Amino acid sequence: METERQVEAHLGEHLEMLPEADAASRAVVAQMQADEARHGCMAKEAGGIELPAPIPALMAAASKVMKAVAYRI
């Protein structure tokens, strides 16, 4: 569930950067974001549990490092 939450947020960042006029790309990213939200709900309904407080923060920090590296390569 946490992975889906963070991916959903990351896709939201991409949506903010896409030009309003790029309807096709915006539709694809919005659908991906909706899919991630649905996957998170399905995981919770299947018995998934919330991760303890330090783990989501560590995941977010690792994601920021990976994004920074990817943008520079």
PDB file of N, CA and C in Angstrom:
ATOM      1  N   MET A   1       0.807  -1.180   0.000  1.00  0.00           N
ATOM      2  CA  MET A   1       0.000   0.000   0.000  1.00  0.00           C
ATOM      3  C   MET A   1       0.860   1.257   0.000  1.00  0.00           C
ATOM      4  N   GLU A   2       1.957   1.210   0.729  1.00  0.00           N
ATOM      5  CA  GLU A   2       2.834   2.390   0.781  1.00  0.00           C
ATOM      6  C   GLU A   2       3.497   2.638  -0.568  1.00  0.00           C
ATOM      7  N   THR A   3       3.892   1.562  -1.234  1.00  0.00           N
ATOM      8  CA  THR A   3       4.514   1.724  -2.549  1.00  0.00           C
ATOM      9  C   THR A   3       3.537   2.401  -3.506  1.00  0.00           C
ATOM     10  N   GLU A   4       2.304   1.923  -3.518  1.00  0.00           N
ATOM     11  CA  GLU A   4       1.301   2.513  -4.402  1.00  0.00           C
ATOM     12  C   GLU A   4       1.062   3.984  -4.047  1.00  0.00           C
ATOM     13  N   ARG A   5       1.029   4.286  -2.755  1.00  0.00           N
ATOM     14  CA  ARG A   5       0.813   5.671  -2.318  1.00  0.00           C
ATOM     15  C   ARG A   5       1.935   6.571  -2.830  1.00  0.00           C
ATOM     16  N   GLN A   6       3.171   6.088  -2.713  1.00  0.00           N
ATOM     17  CA  GLN A   6       4.296   6.907  -3.147  1.00  0.00           C
ATOM     18  C   GLN A   6       4.365   7.016  -4.669  1.00  0.00           C
ATOM     19  N   VAL A   7       4.051   5.946  -5.375  1.00  0.00           N
ATOM     20  CA  VAL A   7       4.028   6.008  -6.841  1.00  0.00           C
ATOM     21  C   VAL A   7       2.916   6.954  -7.300  1.00  0.00           C
ATOM     22  N   GLU A   8       1.770   6.890  -6.635  1.00  0.00           N
ATOM     23  CA  GLU A   8       0.663   7.783  -6.970  1.00  0.00           C
ATOM     24  C   GLU A   8       1.087   9.249  -6.804  1.00  0.00           C
ATOM     25  N   ALA A   9       1.800   9.544  -5.734  1.00  0.00           N
ATOM     26  CA  ALA A   9       2.289  10.915  -5.506  1.00  0.00           C
ATOM     27  C   ALA A   9       3.300  11.316  -6.576  1.00  0.00           C
ATOM     28  N   HIS A  10       4.180  10.390  -6.926  1.00  0.00           N
ATOM     29  CA  HIS A  10       5.191  10.666  -7.952  1.00  0.00           C
ATOM     30  C   HIS A  10       4.517  10.966  -9.299  1.00  0.00           C
ATOM     31  N   LEU A  11       3.493  10.199  -9.624  1.00  0.00           N
ATOM     32  CA  LEU A  11       2.762  10.444 -10.864  1.00  0.00           C
ATOM     33  C   LEU A  11       2.062  11.801 -10.810  1.00  0.00           C
ATOM     34  N   GLY A  12       1.601  12.191  -9.640  1.00  0.00           N
ATOM     35  CA  GLY A  12       1.012  13.507  -9.477  1.00  0.00           C
ATOM     36  C   GLY A  12       2.003  14.615  -9.788  1.00  0.00           C
ATOM     37  N   GLU A  13       3.263  14.407  -9.399  1.00  0.00           N
ATOM     38  CA  GLU A  13       4.317  15.381  -9.725  1.00  0.00           C
ATOM     39  C   GLU A  13       4.479  15.492 -11.239  1.00  0.00           C
ATOM     40  N   HIS A  14       4.434  14.357 -11.917  1.00  0.00           N
ATOM     41  CA  HIS A  14       4.545  14.380 -13.375  1.00  0.00           C
ATOM     42  C   HIS A  14       3.362  15.119 -14.001  1.00  0.00           C
ATOM     43  N   LEU A  15       2.168  14.887 -13.468  1.00  0.00           N
ATOM     44  CA  LEU A  15       0.987  15.584 -13.996  1.00  0.00           C
ATOM     45  C   LEU A  15       1.134  17.094 -13.865  1.00  0.00           C
ATOM     46  N   GLU A  16       1.706  17.534 -12.759  1.00  0.00           N
ATOM     47  CA  GLU A  16       1.898  18.972 -12.555  1.00  0.00           C
ATOM     48  C   GLU A  16       2.869  19.564 -13.574  1.00  0.00           C
ATOM     49  N   MET A  17       3.823  18.761 -14.031  1.00  0.00           N
ATOM     50  CA  MET A  17       4.829  19.250 -14.972  1.00  0.00           C
ATOM     51  C   MET A  17       4.362  19.193 -16.430  1.00  0.00           C
ATOM     52  N   LEU A  18       3.399  18.329 -16.720  1.00  0.00           N
ATOM     53  CA  LEU A  18       2.933  18.197 -18.099  1.00  0.00           C
ATOM     54  C   LEU A  18       2.128  19.427 -18.512  1.00  0.00           C
ATOM     55  N   PRO A  19       2.320  19.882 -19.732  1.00  0.00           N
ATOM     56  CA  PRO A  19       1.530  21.017 -20.220  1.00  0.00           C
ATOM     57  C   PRO A  19       0.040  20.668 -20.257  1.00  0.00           C
ATOM     58  N   GLU A  20      -0.784  21.626 -19.925  1.00  0.00           N
ATOM     59  CA  GLU A  20      -2.239  21.422 -19.962  1.00  0.00           C
ATOM     60  C   GLU A  20      -2.697  20.985 -21.353  1.00  0.00           C
ATOM     61  N   ALA A  21      -2.010  21.462 -22.386  1.00  0.00           N
ATOM     62  CA  ALA A  21      -2.407  21.156 -23.761  1.00  0.00           C
ATOM     63  C   ALA A  21      -2.076  19.720 -24.176  1.00  0.00           C
ATOM     64  N   ASP A  22      -1.242  19.038 -23.410  1.00  0.00           N
ATOM     65  CA  ASP A  22      -0.848  17.664 -23.752  1.00  0.00           C
ATOM     66  C   ASP A  22      -1.861  16.683 -23.153  1.00  0.00           C
ATOM     67  N   ALA A  23      -3.048  16.705 -23.705  1.00  0.00           N
ATOM     68  CA  ALA A  23      -4.146  15.904 -23.160  1.00  0.00           C
ATOM     69  C   ALA A  23      -3.860  14.406 -23.203  1.00  0.00           C
ATOM     70  N   ALA A  24      -3.200  13.949 -24.252  1.00  0.00           N
ATOM     71  CA  ALA A  24      -2.943  12.512 -24.387  1.00  0.00           C
ATOM     72  C   ALA A  24      -2.017  12.016 -23.277  1.00  0.00           C
ATOM     73  N   SER A  25      -0.911  12.726 -23.055  1.00  0.00           N
ATOM     74  CA  SER A  25       0.031  12.317 -22.005  1.00  0.00           C
ATOM     75  C   SER A  25      -0.606  12.440 -20.627  1.00  0.00           C
ATOM     76  N   ARG A  26      -1.366  13.503 -20.421  1.00  0.00           N
ATOM     77  CA  ARG A  26      -2.031  13.716 -19.138  1.00  0.00           C
ATOM     78  C   ARG A  26      -3.027  12.586 -18.855  1.00  0.00           C
ATOM     79  N   ALA A  27      -3.725  12.132 -19.895  1.00  0.00           N
ATOM     80  CA  ALA A  27      -4.688  11.045 -19.720  1.00  0.00           C
ATOM     81  C   ALA A  27      -3.994   9.748 -19.332  1.00  0.00           C
ATOM     82  N   VAL A  28      -2.859   9.471 -19.950  1.00  0.00           N
ATOM     83  CA  VAL A  28      -2.120   8.247 -19.637  1.00  0.00           C
ATOM     84  C   VAL A  28      -1.622   8.288 -18.195  1.00  0.00           C
ATOM     85  N   VAL A  29      -0.998   9.396 -17.805  1.00  0.00           N
ATOM     86  CA  VAL A  29      -0.453   9.504 -16.449  1.00  0.00           C
ATOM     87  C   VAL A  29      -1.580   9.492 -15.415  1.00  0.00           C
ATOM     88  N   ALA A  30      -2.676  10.153 -15.699  1.00  0.00           N
ATOM     89  CA  ALA A  30      -3.816  10.153 -14.783  1.00  0.00           C
ATOM     90  C   ALA A  30      -4.374   8.740 -14.614  1.00  0.00           C
ATOM     91  N   GLN A  31      -4.415   7.975 -15.694  1.00  0.00           N
ATOM     92  CA  GLN A  31      -4.895   6.592 -15.600  1.00  0.00           C
ATOM     93  C   GLN A  31      -3.932   5.749 -14.772  1.00  0.00           C
ATOM     94  N   MET A  32      -2.646   5.950 -14.976  1.00  0.00           N
ATOM     95  CA  MET A  32      -1.648   5.228 -14.173  1.00  0.00           C
ATOM     96  C   MET A  32      -1.818   5.572 -12.691  1.00  0.00           C
ATOM     97  N   GLN A  33      -2.057   6.848 -12.399  1.00  0.00           N
ATOM     98  CA  GLN A  33      -2.239   7.290 -11.017  1.00  0.00           C
ATOM     99  C   GLN A  33      -3.491   6.631 -10.418  1.00  0.00           C
ATOM    100  N   ALA A  34      -4.566   6.593 -11.169  1.00  0.00           N
ATOM    101  CA  ALA A  34      -5.798   5.954 -10.697  1.00  0.00           C
ATOM    102  C   ALA A  34      -5.590   4.459 -10.472  1.00  0.00           C
ATOM    103  N   ASP A  35      -4.821   3.820 -11.360  1.00  0.00           N
ATOM    104  CA  ASP A  35      -4.526   2.394 -11.205  1.00  0.00           C
ATOM    105  C   ASP A  35      -3.752   2.136  -9.915  1.00  0.00           C
ATOM    106  N   GLU A  36      -2.780   2.984  -9.616  1.00  0.00           N
ATOM    107  CA  GLU A  36      -2.001   2.817  -8.383  1.00  0.00           C
ATOM    108  C   GLU A  36      -2.896   2.969  -7.156  1.00  0.00           C
ATOM    109  N   ALA A  37      -3.793   3.945  -7.176  1.00  0.00           N
ATOM    110  CA  ALA A  37      -4.713   4.135  -6.053  1.00  0.00           C
ATOM    111  C   ALA A  37      -5.588   2.899  -5.869  1.00  0.00           C
ATOM    112  N   ARG A  38      -6.077   2.358  -6.981  1.00  0.00           N
ATOM    113  CA  ARG A  38      -6.908   1.155  -6.919  1.00  0.00           C
ATOM    114  C   ARG A  38      -6.117  -0.031  -6.386  1.00  0.00           C
ATOM    115  N   HIS A  39      -4.866  -0.173  -6.829  1.00  0.00           N
ATOM    116  CA  HIS A  39      -4.027  -1.277  -6.335  1.00  0.00           C
ATOM    117  C   HIS A  39      -3.827  -1.170  -4.830  1.00  0.00           C
ATOM    118  N   GLY A  40      -3.624   0.049  -4.340  1.00  0.00           N
ATOM    119  CA  GLY A  40      -3.455   0.255  -2.901  1.00  0.00           C
ATOM    120  C   GLY A  40      -4.705  -0.146  -2.137  1.00  0.00           C
ATOM    121  N   CYS A  41      -5.873   0.223  -2.647  1.00  0.00           N
ATOM    122  CA  CYS A  41      -7.141  -0.162  -2.003  1.00  0.00           C
ATOM    123  C   CYS A  41      -7.317  -1.675  -2.011  1.00  0.00           C
ATOM    124  N   MET A  42      -6.977  -2.295  -3.129  1.00  0.00           N
ATOM    125  CA  MET A  42      -7.100  -3.751  -3.228  1.00  0.00           C
ATOM    126  C   MET A  42      -6.173  -4.441  -2.233  1.00  0.00           C
ATOM    127  N   ALA A  43      -4.964  -3.899  -2.063  1.00  0.00           N
ATOM    128  CA  ALA A  43      -4.021  -4.485  -1.108  1.00  0.00           C
ATOM    129  C   ALA A  43      -4.568  -4.396   0.308  1.00  0.00           C
ATOM    130  N   LYS A  44      -5.145  -3.249   0.642  1.00  0.00           N
ATOM    131  CA  LYS A  44      -5.705  -3.073   1.978  1.00  0.00           C
ATOM    132  C   LYS A  44      -6.876  -4.028   2.195  1.00  0.00           C
ATOM    133  N   GLU A  45      -7.735  -4.144   1.196  1.00  0.00           N
ATOM    134  CA  GLU A  45      -8.882  -5.050   1.293  1.00  0.00           C
ATOM    135  C   GLU A  45      -8.443  -6.509   1.405  1.00  0.00           C
ATOM    136  N   ALA A  46      -7.275  -6.821   0.864  1.00  0.00           N
ATOM    137  CA  ALA A  46      -6.767  -8.193   0.919  1.00  0.00           C
ATOM    138  C   ALA A  46      -6.005  -8.478   2.216  1.00  0.00           C
ATOM    139  N   GLY A  47      -6.003  -7.497   3.114  1.00  0.00           N
ATOM    140  CA  GLY A  47      -5.362  -7.732   4.407  1.00  0.00           C
ATOM    141  C   GLY A  47      -4.046  -7.014   4.603  1.00  0.00           C
ATOM    142  N   GLY A  48      -3.673  -6.158   3.673  1.00  0.00           N
ATOM    143  CA  GLY A  48      -2.432  -5.408   3.815  1.00  0.00           C
ATOM    144  C   GLY A  48      -2.491  -4.492   5.025  1.00  0.00           C
ATOM    145  N   ILE A  49      -1.361  -4.260   5.631  1.00  0.00           N
ATOM    146  CA  ILE A  49      -1.306  -3.403   6.814  1.00  0.00           C
ATOM    147  C   ILE A  49      -0.422  -2.188   6.527  1.00  0.00           C
ATOM    148  N   GLU A  50      -0.651  -1.133   7.284  1.00  0.00           N
ATOM    149  CA  GLU A  50       0.183   0.060   7.174  1.00  0.00           C
ATOM    150  C   GLU A  50       1.563  -0.255   7.748  1.00  0.00           C
ATOM    151  N   LEU A  51       2.580   0.275   7.114  1.00  0.00           N
ATOM    152  CA  LEU A  51       3.941   0.071   7.598  1.00  0.00           C
ATOM    153  C   LEU A  51       4.212   0.979   8.792  1.00  0.00           C
ATOM    154  N   PRO A  52       5.097   0.546   9.701  1.00  0.00           N
ATOM    155  CA  PRO A  52       5.456   1.392  10.837  1.00  0.00           C
ATOM    156  C   PRO A  52       6.080   2.705  10.362  1.00  0.00           C
ATOM    157  N   ALA A  53       5.916   3.751  11.153  1.00  0.00           N
ATOM    158  CA  ALA A  53       6.307   5.119  10.804  1.00  0.00           C
ATOM    159  C   ALA A  53       7.680   5.278  10.141  1.00  0.00           C
ATOM    160  N   PRO A  54       8.739   4.663  10.615  1.00  0.00           N
ATOM    161  CA  PRO A  54      10.017   4.979   9.968  1.00  0.00           C
ATOM    162  C   PRO A  54      10.143   4.428   8.541  1.00  0.00           C
ATOM    163  N   ILE A  55       9.425   3.377   8.217  1.00  0.00           N
ATOM    164  CA  ILE A  55       9.614   2.733   6.909  1.00  0.00           C
ATOM    165  C   ILE A  55       9.115   3.606   5.761  1.00  0.00           C
ATOM    166  N   PRO A  56       7.897   4.177   5.817  1.00  0.00           N
ATOM    167  CA  PRO A  56       7.480   5.057   4.711  1.00  0.00           C
ATOM    168  C   PRO A  56       8.434   6.234   4.517  1.00  0.00           C
ATOM    169  N   ALA A  57       8.946   6.781   5.606  1.00  0.00           N
ATOM    170  CA  ALA A  57       9.887   7.899   5.491  1.00  0.00           C
ATOM    171  C   ALA A  57      11.183   7.452   4.822  1.00  0.00           C
ATOM    172  N   LEU A  58      11.665   6.281   5.169  1.00  0.00           N
ATOM    173  CA  LEU A  58      12.871   5.750   4.526  1.00  0.00           C
ATOM    174  C   LEU A  58      12.623   5.475   3.044  1.00  0.00           C
ATOM    175  N   MET A  59      11.451   4.945   2.730  1.00  0.00           N
ATOM    176  CA  MET A  59      11.117   4.694   1.332  1.00  0.00           C
ATOM    177  C   MET A  59      11.077   6.006   0.544  1.00  0.00           C
ATOM    178  N   ALA A  60      10.499   7.043   1.137  1.00  0.00           N
ATOM    179  CA  ALA A  60      10.416   8.337   0.462  1.00  0.00           C
ATOM    180  C   ALA A  60      11.812   8.917   0.242  1.00  0.00           C
ATOM    181  N   ALA A  61      12.679   8.781   1.245  1.00  0.00           N
ATOM    182  CA  ALA A  61      14.048   9.293   1.110  1.00  0.00           C
ATOM    183  C   ALA A  61      14.803   8.538   0.020  1.00  0.00           C
ATOM    184  N   ALA A  62      14.650   7.220  -0.011  1.00  0.00           N
ATOM    185  CA  ALA A  62      15.319   6.417  -1.043  1.00  0.00           C
ATOM    186  C   ALA A  62      14.795   6.802  -2.425  1.00  0.00           C
ATOM    187  N   SER A  63      13.503   7.061  -2.521  1.00  0.00           N
ATOM    188  CA  SER A  63      12.909   7.473  -3.796  1.00  0.00           C
ATOM    189  C   SER A  63      13.495   8.796  -4.273  1.00  0.00           C
ATOM    190  N   LYS A  64      13.671   9.742  -3.360  1.00  0.00           N
ATOM    191  CA  LYS A  64      14.250  11.032  -3.735  1.00  0.00           C
ATOM    192  C   LYS A  64      15.667  10.863  -4.256  1.00  0.00           C
ATOM    193  N   VAL A  65      16.456   9.994  -3.630  1.00  0.00           N
ATOM    194  CA  VAL A  65      17.819   9.740  -4.086  1.00  0.00           C
ATOM    195  C   VAL A  65      17.797   9.124  -5.482  1.00  0.00           C
ATOM    196  N   MET A  66      16.916   8.131  -5.680  1.00  0.00           N
ATOM    197  CA  MET A  66      16.839   7.469  -6.984  1.00  0.00           C
ATOM    198  C   MET A  66      16.407   8.450  -8.079  1.00  0.00           C
ATOM    199  N   LYS A  67      15.435   9.331  -7.761  1.00  0.00           N
ATOM    200  CA  LYS A  67      14.996  10.316  -8.752  1.00  0.00           C
ATOM    201  C   LYS A  67      16.129  11.284  -9.091  1.00  0.00           C
ATOM    202  N   ALA A  68      16.861  11.727  -8.072  1.00  0.00           N
ATOM    203  CA  ALA A  68      17.965  12.660  -8.300  1.00  0.00           C
ATOM    204  C   ALA A  68      19.029  12.033  -9.189  1.00  0.00           C
ATOM    205  N   VAL A  69      19.346  10.776  -8.939  1.00  0.00           N
ATOM    206  CA  VAL A  69      20.342  10.077  -9.749  1.00  0.00           C
ATOM    207  C   VAL A  69      19.827   9.887 -11.179  1.00  0.00           C
ATOM    208  N   ALA A  70      18.562   9.469 -11.306  1.00  0.00           N
ATOM    209  CA  ALA A  70      17.994   9.223 -12.640  1.00  0.00           C
ATOM    210  C   ALA A  70      17.960  10.495 -13.472  1.00  0.00           C
ATOM    211  N   TYR A  71      17.675  11.638 -12.876  1.00  0.00           N
ATOM    212  CA  TYR A  71      17.608  12.886 -13.621  1.00  0.00           C
ATOM    213  C   TYR A  71      18.987  13.351 -14.071  1.00  0.00           C
ATOM    214  N   ARG A  72      20.051  12.844 -13.429  1.00  0.00           N
ATOM    215  CA  ARG A  72      21.402  13.281 -13.760  1.00  0.00           C
ATOM    216  C   ARG A  72      22.123  12.320 -14.703  1.00  0.00           C
ATOM    217  N   ILE A  73      21.525  11.176 -14.941  1.00  0.00           N
ATOM    218  CA  ILE A  73      22.162  10.186 -15.824  1.00  0.00           C
ATOM    219  C   ILE A  73      21.639  10.377 -17.235  1.00  0.00           C
TER     220      ILE A  73
END
